[in-house]
Every structure is written in structure tokens, then in C-alpha cells.
């Protein structure tokens, strides 16, 4: 089974750290349940949020339309 660190997503973009919990809740409810929680990354089957330990986090999703929606709503 491949590592969650090796998974490549179609879309990756930055959002502010303050929006991380809200985006995580949205993704858990609308894309799929959270399947892992690591010190630097959380995610599910079709999404991930990578903590860069700065003012921004990186959101990774498979759907470009979802990426656009999250970027417009939460940045």
C-alpha cells in the first residue's frame, strides 16, 4: 500500500492557516471522511491538507472545480 506522502493530487493550492479547520470540516462532510491525521498532514481518500508550519497550509484535492470553490470562499 503506498504511503500518504507519495499520493499525488491534481490540484494543490494555498489557503490561510486560520481557514484550515473550516476547510477540513467542509472536505470531511462533502468529499469524504478523514482517514488519517499526521503531525504534518491530514486527509482522506480524495483530499489532504498539508501543514507548512507557516501562515498558509496547502490543500490538495482531485477536483478542479472544488479547488476553485474553496479558493474563492476561504481565501
C-alpha atoms as a PDB file:
ATOM      1  CA  UNK A   1       0.000   0.000   0.000  1.00  0.00           C
ATOM      2  CA  UNK A   2       1.506   3.376  -0.997  1.00  0.00           C
ATOM      3  CA  UNK A   3       2.287   5.984   1.630  1.00  0.00           C
ATOM      4  CA  UNK A   4       0.006   9.014   2.043  1.00  0.00           C
ATOM      5  CA  UNK A   5       3.096  11.161   1.446  1.00  0.00           C
ATOM      6  CA  UNK A   6       3.504   9.676  -2.037  1.00  0.00           C
ATOM      7  CA  UNK A   7      -0.065  10.370  -3.227  1.00  0.00           C
ATOM      8  CA  UNK A   8      -0.209  12.977  -5.996  1.00  0.00           C
ATOM      9  CA  UNK A   9      -3.267  15.181  -6.348  1.00  0.00           C
ATOM     10  CA  UNK A  10      -4.462  17.017  -9.431  1.00  0.00           C
ATOM     11  CA  UNK A  11      -4.828  20.377  -7.640  1.00  0.00           C
ATOM     12  CA  UNK A  12      -2.703  21.910  -4.861  1.00  0.00           C
ATOM     13  CA  UNK A  13      -3.217  25.464  -3.569  1.00  0.00           C
ATOM     14  CA  UNK A  14      -2.572  27.605  -0.501  1.00  0.00           C
ATOM     15  CA  UNK A  15      -5.128  28.927   1.973  1.00  0.00           C
ATOM     16  CA  UNK A  16      -4.581  30.918   5.186  1.00  0.00           C
ATOM     17  CA  UNK A  17      -3.895  28.891   8.352  1.00  0.00           C
ATOM     18  CA  UNK A  18      -6.950  30.477  10.027  1.00  0.00           C
ATOM     19  CA  UNK A  19      -9.269  28.806   7.471  1.00  0.00           C
ATOM     20  CA  UNK A  20      -7.787  25.332   7.919  1.00  0.00           C
ATOM     21  CA  UNK A  21     -10.373  23.941  10.370  1.00  0.00           C
ATOM     22  CA  UNK A  22     -13.313  25.264   8.361  1.00  0.00           C
ATOM     23  CA  UNK A  23     -11.962  23.803   5.115  1.00  0.00           C
ATOM     24  CA  UNK A  24     -11.225  20.494   6.855  1.00  0.00           C
ATOM     25  CA  UNK A  25     -14.816  20.267   8.106  1.00  0.00           C
ATOM     26  CA  UNK A  26     -16.143  21.102   4.629  1.00  0.00           C
ATOM     27  CA  UNK A  27     -13.962  18.427   2.985  1.00  0.00           C
ATOM     28  CA  UNK A  28     -14.901  15.789   5.578  1.00  0.00           C
ATOM     29  CA  UNK A  29     -18.593  16.483   5.046  1.00  0.00           C
ATOM     30  CA  UNK A  30     -18.660  16.896   1.245  1.00  0.00           C
ATOM     31  CA  UNK A  31     -15.710  14.954  -0.215  1.00  0.00           C
ATOM     32  CA  UNK A  32     -15.067  12.061   2.148  1.00  0.00           C
ATOM     33  CA  UNK A  33     -14.251  11.177   5.736  1.00  0.00           C
ATOM     34  CA  UNK A  34     -10.828  11.818   7.251  1.00  0.00           C
ATOM     35  CA  UNK A  35      -8.805   8.606   7.153  1.00  0.00           C
ATOM     36  CA  UNK A  36      -5.521   9.799   8.668  1.00  0.00           C
ATOM     37  CA  UNK A  37      -4.094  12.520  10.908  1.00  0.00           C
ATOM     38  CA  UNK A  38      -0.338  13.024  10.999  1.00  0.00           C
ATOM     39  CA  UNK A  39       1.742  15.815  12.538  1.00  0.00           C
ATOM     40  CA  UNK A  40       2.238  17.470   9.151  1.00  0.00           C
ATOM     41  CA  UNK A  41      -0.782  16.337   7.141  1.00  0.00           C
ATOM     42  CA  UNK A  42      -4.410  15.264   7.482  1.00  0.00           C
ATOM     43  CA  UNK A  43      -6.623  13.863   4.797  1.00  0.00           C
ATOM     44  CA  UNK A  44      -8.950  11.373   3.255  1.00  0.00           C
ATOM     45  CA  UNK A  45      -9.144   9.357   0.069  1.00  0.00           C
ATOM     46  CA  UNK A  46      -9.546  12.330  -2.312  1.00  0.00           C
ATOM     47  CA  UNK A  47      -8.206  15.239  -0.263  1.00  0.00           C
ATOM     48  CA  UNK A  48      -5.377  16.324   2.014  1.00  0.00           C
ATOM     49  CA  UNK A  49      -4.292  19.382   3.976  1.00  0.00           C
ATOM     50  CA  UNK A  50      -0.534  19.775   4.422  1.00  0.00           C
ATOM     51  CA  UNK A  51       0.700  21.942   7.270  1.00  0.00           C
ATOM     52  CA  UNK A  52       3.719  24.000   6.243  1.00  0.00           C
ATOM     53  CA  UNK A  53       4.047  25.434   9.791  1.00  0.00           C
ATOM     54  CA  UNK A  54       3.676  28.971   8.452  1.00  0.00           C
ATOM     55  CA  UNK A  55       0.808  31.372   7.789  1.00  0.00           C
ATOM     56  CA  UNK A  56      -0.521  29.155   4.979  1.00  0.00           C
ATOM     57  CA  UNK A  57      -1.447  25.497   4.536  1.00  0.00           C
ATOM     58  CA  UNK A  58      -1.592  23.542   1.289  1.00  0.00           C
ATOM     59  CA  UNK A  59      -4.921  21.986   0.313  1.00  0.00           C
ATOM     60  CA  UNK A  60      -4.802  19.095  -2.157  1.00  0.00           C
ATOM     61  CA  UNK A  61      -7.881  17.825  -3.999  1.00  0.00           C
ATOM     62  CA  UNK A  62      -8.667  15.860  -7.133  1.00  0.00           C
ATOM     63  CA  UNK A  63     -11.495  18.058  -8.459  1.00  0.00           C
ATOM     64  CA  UNK A  64     -10.501  21.392 -10.112  1.00  0.00           C
ATOM     65  CA  UNK A  65     -13.996  22.833  -9.580  1.00  0.00           C
ATOM     66  CA  UNK A  66     -13.788  22.074  -5.864  1.00  0.00           C
ATOM     67  CA  UNK A  67     -10.374  23.741  -5.737  1.00  0.00           C
ATOM     68  CA  UNK A  68     -11.809  26.879  -7.312  1.00  0.00           C
ATOM     69  CA  UNK A  69     -14.741  26.910  -4.898  1.00  0.00           C
ATOM     70  CA  UNK A  70     -12.539  26.544  -1.813  1.00  0.00           C
ATOM     71  CA  UNK A  71     -10.075  29.158  -3.052  1.00  0.00           C
ATOM     72  CA  UNK A  72     -12.807  31.708  -3.668  1.00  0.00           C
ATOM     73  CA  UNK A  73     -14.683  31.013  -0.453  1.00  0.00           C
ATOM     74  CA  UNK A  74     -11.869  30.616   2.086  1.00  0.00           C
ATOM     75  CA  UNK A  75      -9.041  32.922   0.976  1.00  0.00           C
END
